[in-house]
Amino acid sequence: MTGGYTMSGVIQPPEHEHRDSDAEPELQAFESEHEREHLLDHGREEAQHAALKVRLARLELLAGLGKTNAGRVTHYLPAWLRKTQGENRFAVATAVLVVIALQVAIAIELSLHPEYLVPALEVVLLVLLSIGNPVRLNRESPLLRAAGLLLVTAASIAVAWSAMTLVWRLLHGTATKDPVHLLLTGGGIWLMNVIVFALWYWELDRGGPAARASARKIHPDFLFSQMTVPELVRRDWEPGFVDYLYLSFTNATAFSPTDTLPLSRWAKLAMMFQSLISLVTVALVVARAVNILK
């Protein structure tokens, strides 16, 4: 239909021009949506292709082909399966200092005597470890390895003594009668327990931080969620102390694994033991504090 004259003499545009102008926004929206879906499909294809390359590289590494064709294989391997510069010492050093501060601040009757012996030993060992690996934890040495394990062992003995002493006093009614002080003391011991187990997980998984940086062992003791979806994670990701601290915290609060699974037997036993300690400590401290308040 063509345009016509109105009573006022103004030419009226054809009806199909109205229809075309009304359809233009819908057409643009359709084209935009189609382009967006195309980009999403393309992104998914690239992610699947990258994941396939990672899995093939891991299979070649497990089959022993990575040693003969390392240049091609390691190009697609995630950081936790290849040599890296190692993680920074700052996070783990801060955690050790927190444990030392809590040991000094805890009540004298719950400390291992002489009360400043273990904290002083931990400070000396931390200084030695910092000299050996000042920034990046990538130097392997039997002496440094022994010093690291000795530090965690000393902290474990001190925390175990404080926890057992607190539980003994709670069961025999000789603990403090102040609910606030009791909760703070119990919370401090619980936090030390979380950090100490995080240190153990961090020190023992795949031979320790320096061994992980050298990629000497390809079989992990803990399966982090990032390891299962390499296409969604940066290639430079590798487990650091914060990841092990998160693992320890969630295990101590949920009393079971959450998003990180233990693969080796020692890891399963360690997580089971930590859950037991956390459950007993929290249950007794909270029950006693509530009883005092009543």
Protein backbone atom coordinates (compact mmCIF):
# COMPACT_ATOMS: atom_id res chain seq x y z
CA MET A 1 0.00 0.00 0.00
CA THR A 2 1.28 3.44 -0.94
CA GLY A 3 0.98 6.62 1.10
CA GLY A 4 -2.03 8.92 0.73
CA TYR A 5 -3.23 12.36 1.62
CA THR A 6 -4.89 13.15 4.92
CA MET A 7 -7.64 15.70 5.32
CA SER A 8 -5.02 18.29 6.26
CA GLY A 9 -3.11 17.59 3.06
CA VAL A 10 -0.11 15.92 4.76
CA ILE A 11 1.29 12.89 2.98
CA GLN A 12 0.96 9.75 5.11
CA PRO A 13 3.97 7.32 4.87
CA PRO A 14 3.34 3.79 3.64
CA GLU A 15 2.40 1.16 6.25
CA HIS A 16 5.35 -1.14 5.39
CA GLU A 17 7.76 1.65 6.33
CA HIS A 18 6.17 1.69 9.82
CA ARG A 19 6.61 -2.06 10.05
CA ASP A 20 10.25 -1.90 8.93
CA SER A 21 11.10 0.80 11.45
CA ASP A 22 9.42 -1.19 14.25
CA ALA A 23 11.32 -4.36 13.32
CA GLU A 24 14.76 -2.76 13.34
CA PRO A 25 15.25 -2.89 17.17
CA GLU A 26 14.11 -6.51 17.27
CA LEU A 27 16.51 -7.39 14.44
CA GLN A 28 19.41 -5.68 16.19
CA ALA A 29 18.60 -7.46 19.45
CA PHE A 30 18.47 -10.81 17.64
CA GLU A 31 21.81 -10.19 15.93
CA SER A 32 23.40 -9.12 19.23
CA GLU A 33 22.13 -12.21 21.01
CA HIS A 34 23.31 -14.44 18.19
CA GLU A 35 26.78 -12.89 18.28
CA ARG A 36 26.96 -13.31 22.06
CA GLU A 37 26.01 -16.99 21.82
CA HIS A 38 28.63 -17.46 19.12
CA LEU A 39 31.33 -15.94 21.35
CA LEU A 40 30.26 -18.12 24.28
CA ASP A 41 30.39 -21.24 22.12
CA HIS A 42 33.82 -20.23 20.87
CA GLY A 43 35.03 -19.65 24.45
CA ARG A 44 33.73 -23.03 25.56
CA GLU A 45 35.47 -24.73 22.65
CA GLU A 46 38.77 -23.02 23.53
CA ALA A 47 38.40 -24.02 27.21
CA GLN A 48 37.68 -27.63 26.28
CA HIS A 49 40.63 -27.65 23.91
CA ALA A 50 42.93 -26.26 26.61
CA ALA A 51 41.66 -28.81 29.15
CA LEU A 52 42.31 -31.62 26.67
CA LYS A 53 45.91 -30.41 26.16
CA VAL A 54 46.44 -30.33 29.94
CA ARG A 55 45.08 -33.84 30.41
CA LEU A 56 47.16 -35.20 27.52
CA ALA A 57 50.27 -33.57 28.96
CA ARG A 58 49.56 -35.10 32.38
CA LEU A 59 49.08 -38.54 30.80
CA GLU A 60 52.40 -38.19 28.96
CA LEU A 61 54.08 -37.17 32.21
CA LEU A 62 52.62 -40.14 34.08
CA ALA A 63 53.70 -42.44 31.26
CA GLY A 64 57.27 -41.16 31.51
CA LEU A 65 57.24 -39.28 28.21
CA GLY A 66 57.74 -35.93 29.90
CA LYS A 67 61.41 -36.69 30.50
CA THR A 68 62.14 -37.25 26.83
CA ASN A 69 59.95 -34.49 25.45
CA ALA A 70 59.80 -32.10 28.39
CA GLY A 71 59.73 -28.92 26.35
CA ARG A 72 56.43 -29.78 24.69
CA VAL A 73 54.79 -31.42 27.69
CA THR A 74 55.53 -28.76 30.30
CA HIS A 75 54.14 -26.10 28.00
CA TYR A 76 50.64 -27.36 28.83
CA LEU A 77 51.21 -28.60 32.38
CA PRO A 78 49.77 -26.58 35.29
CA ALA A 79 52.25 -25.07 37.71
CA TRP A 80 51.74 -27.70 40.40
CA LEU A 81 53.08 -30.37 38.00
CA ARG A 82 56.16 -28.53 36.71
CA LYS A 83 59.16 -26.71 38.13
CA THR A 84 58.40 -23.24 39.49
CA GLN A 85 60.20 -20.52 41.40
CA GLY A 86 58.54 -21.66 44.63
CA GLU A 87 56.10 -19.90 46.90
CA ASN A 88 56.85 -16.84 48.98
CA ARG A 89 57.87 -17.35 52.61
CA PHE A 90 55.78 -14.47 53.98
CA ALA A 91 52.53 -16.37 54.61
CA VAL A 92 54.03 -19.32 56.45
CA ALA A 93 56.41 -17.11 58.46
CA THR A 94 53.47 -14.98 59.58
CA ALA A 95 51.56 -18.10 60.66
CA VAL A 96 54.53 -19.34 62.71
CA LEU A 97 54.84 -15.95 64.41
CA VAL A 98 51.14 -16.06 65.28
CA VAL A 99 51.61 -19.48 66.91
CA ILE A 100 54.60 -18.19 68.89
CA ALA A 101 52.64 -15.13 70.05
CA LEU A 102 49.71 -17.31 71.18
CA GLN A 103 52.07 -19.63 73.06
CA VAL A 104 53.52 -16.68 74.95
CA ALA A 105 50.09 -15.16 75.64
CA ILE A 106 48.45 -18.35 76.88
CA ALA A 107 47.98 -18.94 80.61
CA ILE A 108 51.12 -20.11 82.44
CA GLU A 109 49.36 -23.14 83.95
CA LEU A 110 48.62 -24.42 80.42
CA SER A 111 52.11 -23.88 79.00
CA LEU A 112 54.88 -26.42 78.67
CA HIS A 113 57.60 -25.51 81.18
CA PRO A 114 59.94 -23.78 81.01
CA GLU A 115 57.34 -21.65 79.29
CA TYR A 116 59.68 -19.68 76.99
CA LEU A 117 61.81 -22.65 75.87
CA VAL A 118 59.63 -23.79 72.96
CA PRO A 119 58.89 -20.26 71.64
CA ALA A 120 62.62 -19.42 71.76
CA LEU A 121 63.48 -22.63 69.88
CA GLU A 122 60.85 -21.85 67.25
CA VAL A 123 62.22 -18.34 66.74
CA VAL A 124 65.76 -19.70 66.25
CA LEU A 125 64.57 -22.31 63.76
CA LEU A 126 62.48 -19.75 61.88
CA VAL A 127 65.52 -17.47 61.56
CA LEU A 128 67.66 -20.35 60.26
CA LEU A 129 65.01 -21.32 57.73
CA SER A 130 64.66 -17.71 56.60
CA ILE A 131 68.41 -17.48 56.02
CA GLY A 132 68.41 -20.70 54.01
CA ASN A 133 65.40 -19.71 51.89
CA PRO A 134 64.96 -15.96 52.44
CA VAL A 135 62.21 -15.22 49.91
CA ARG A 136 61.27 -18.17 47.71
CA LEU A 137 61.03 -21.71 49.09
CA ASN A 138 62.82 -23.52 46.30
CA ARG A 139 66.12 -24.67 47.81
CA GLU A 140 66.21 -28.32 48.89
CA SER A 141 68.58 -29.24 51.70
CA PRO A 142 68.52 -32.04 54.31
CA LEU A 143 69.44 -29.50 57.00
CA LEU A 144 66.65 -27.11 56.04
CA ARG A 145 64.22 -30.00 55.78
CA ALA A 146 65.15 -31.23 59.25
CA ALA A 147 64.88 -27.71 60.69
CA GLY A 148 61.42 -27.24 59.21
CA LEU A 149 60.13 -30.53 60.55
CA LEU A 150 61.70 -29.83 63.96
CA LEU A 151 59.95 -26.45 64.12
CA VAL A 152 56.54 -27.98 63.37
CA THR A 153 57.20 -30.81 65.84
CA ALA A 154 58.08 -28.34 68.62
CA ALA A 155 54.94 -26.33 67.94
CA SER A 156 52.87 -29.53 67.89
CA ILE A 157 54.22 -30.67 71.27
CA ALA A 158 53.47 -27.28 72.84
CA VAL A 159 49.94 -27.16 71.44
CA ALA A 160 49.24 -30.77 72.41
CA TRP A 161 50.40 -30.11 75.97
CA SER A 162 48.20 -27.01 76.28
CA ALA A 163 45.17 -28.82 74.82
CA MET A 164 45.56 -31.88 77.05
CA THR A 165 46.10 -29.72 80.13
CA LEU A 166 42.99 -27.69 79.36
CA VAL A 167 40.87 -30.81 78.78
CA TRP A 168 42.19 -32.35 82.02
CA ARG A 169 41.34 -29.24 84.01
CA LEU A 170 37.89 -29.04 82.45
CA LEU A 171 37.12 -32.65 83.28
CA HIS A 172 38.32 -32.28 86.88
CA GLY A 173 36.74 -28.87 87.49
CA THR A 174 40.02 -27.01 88.09
CA ALA A 175 39.85 -24.75 85.04
CA THR A 176 39.22 -21.03 85.30
CA LYS A 177 35.77 -19.93 86.44
CA ASP A 178 35.76 -16.88 84.18
CA PRO A 179 33.77 -17.80 81.03
CA VAL A 180 35.35 -15.05 78.91
CA HIS A 181 38.87 -16.09 79.86
CA LEU A 182 37.98 -19.73 79.27
CA LEU A 183 36.61 -19.01 75.80
CA LEU A 184 39.64 -16.91 74.88
CA THR A 185 42.02 -19.59 76.09
CA GLY A 186 40.13 -22.36 74.32
CA GLY A 187 39.90 -20.26 71.17
CA GLY A 188 43.65 -19.60 71.24
CA ILE A 189 44.45 -23.30 71.59
CA TRP A 190 41.97 -24.14 68.82
CA LEU A 191 43.58 -21.56 66.51
CA MET A 192 47.07 -22.90 67.26
CA ASN A 193 45.80 -26.38 66.46
CA VAL A 194 44.50 -25.16 63.08
CA ILE A 195 47.80 -23.48 62.17
CA VAL A 196 49.95 -26.40 63.35
CA PHE A 197 48.00 -28.93 61.27
CA ALA A 198 48.18 -26.55 58.30
CA LEU A 199 51.96 -26.53 58.74
CA TRP A 200 52.02 -30.33 58.79
CA TYR A 201 49.91 -30.56 55.62
CA TRP A 202 52.11 -27.94 53.97
CA GLU A 203 55.36 -29.65 55.03
CA LEU A 204 54.38 -33.21 54.05
CA ASP A 205 52.33 -32.85 50.87
CA ARG A 206 54.49 -34.12 47.97
CA GLY A 207 57.66 -33.82 50.06
CA GLY A 208 57.29 -30.22 51.19
CA PRO A 209 57.36 -26.78 49.53
CA ALA A 210 60.86 -27.05 48.04
CA ALA A 211 60.14 -30.49 46.59
CA ARG A 212 56.88 -29.20 45.10
CA ALA A 213 58.76 -26.31 43.49
CA SER A 214 61.16 -28.83 41.93
CA ALA A 215 58.25 -31.03 40.79
CA ARG A 216 60.00 -34.15 42.07
CA LYS A 217 56.76 -35.93 42.92
CA ILE A 218 53.74 -35.94 40.61
CA HIS A 219 51.30 -37.72 42.93
CA PRO A 220 49.71 -35.29 45.41
CA ASP A 221 48.62 -36.20 48.92
CA PHE A 222 45.75 -33.70 48.75
CA LEU A 223 43.44 -33.14 45.81
CA PHE A 224 42.58 -29.45 45.66
CA SER A 225 39.59 -28.37 43.60
CA GLN A 226 41.84 -26.38 41.24
CA MET A 227 43.53 -29.60 40.19
CA THR A 228 40.28 -31.08 38.89
CA VAL A 229 39.35 -28.16 36.63
CA PRO A 230 42.63 -26.94 35.05
CA GLU A 231 40.74 -25.14 32.28
CA LEU A 232 39.21 -22.76 34.86
CA VAL A 233 42.44 -22.00 36.73
CA ARG A 234 45.48 -19.90 35.83
CA ARG A 235 48.43 -21.97 34.64
CA ASP A 236 50.62 -20.49 37.38
CA TRP A 237 48.41 -21.79 40.22
CA GLU A 238 50.00 -24.15 42.69
CA PRO A 239 49.02 -24.92 46.30
CA GLY A 240 50.55 -22.53 48.82
CA PHE A 241 50.36 -22.23 52.58
CA VAL A 242 47.08 -20.31 52.45
CA ASP A 243 45.47 -23.27 50.66
CA TYR A 244 46.66 -25.65 53.40
CA LEU A 245 45.50 -23.20 56.08
CA TYR A 246 42.05 -23.15 54.48
CA LEU A 247 42.10 -26.95 54.36
CA SER A 248 42.96 -27.13 58.06
CA PHE A 249 40.36 -24.52 59.04
CA THR A 250 37.50 -26.18 57.18
CA ASN A 251 38.47 -29.59 58.55
CA ALA A 252 38.50 -28.18 62.10
CA THR A 253 35.09 -26.53 61.70
CA ALA A 254 33.23 -29.08 59.56
CA PHE A 255 34.98 -32.10 61.17
CA SER A 256 35.33 -33.60 57.69
CA PRO A 257 36.87 -32.79 54.28
CA THR A 258 35.11 -30.09 52.28
CA ASP A 259 36.44 -29.18 48.82
CA THR A 260 39.91 -30.72 49.30
CA LEU A 261 40.23 -34.49 49.55
CA PRO A 262 43.01 -36.48 51.23
CA LEU A 263 44.50 -39.09 48.89
CA SER A 264 47.23 -40.75 50.94
CA ARG A 265 46.68 -42.71 54.15
CA TRP A 266 48.75 -40.38 56.32
CA ALA A 267 46.68 -37.42 55.11
CA LYS A 268 43.44 -39.21 55.98
CA LEU A 269 44.69 -40.14 59.45
CA ALA A 270 45.99 -36.61 60.08
CA MET A 271 42.67 -35.03 59.11
CA MET A 272 40.78 -37.56 61.25
CA PHE A 273 43.01 -36.80 64.25
CA GLN A 274 42.62 -33.05 63.76
CA SER A 275 38.83 -33.33 63.60
CA LEU A 276 38.83 -35.34 66.83
CA ILE A 277 40.99 -32.78 68.67
CA SER A 278 38.88 -29.89 67.41
CA LEU A 279 35.61 -31.59 68.34
CA VAL A 280 36.73 -32.43 71.89
CA THR A 281 38.21 -28.98 72.51
CA VAL A 282 35.22 -27.04 71.20
CA ALA A 283 32.65 -29.28 72.90
CA LEU A 284 34.28 -29.17 76.35
CA VAL A 285 35.15 -25.47 76.30
CA VAL A 286 31.73 -24.34 75.11
CA ALA A 287 29.90 -26.70 77.49
CA ARG A 288 31.93 -25.49 80.46
CA ALA A 289 31.47 -21.81 79.53
CA VAL A 290 27.68 -22.26 79.21
CA ASN A 291 27.59 -24.10 82.54
CA ILE A 292 29.45 -21.24 84.25
CA LEU A 293 27.07 -18.66 82.78
CA LYS A 294 24.08 -20.56 84.15
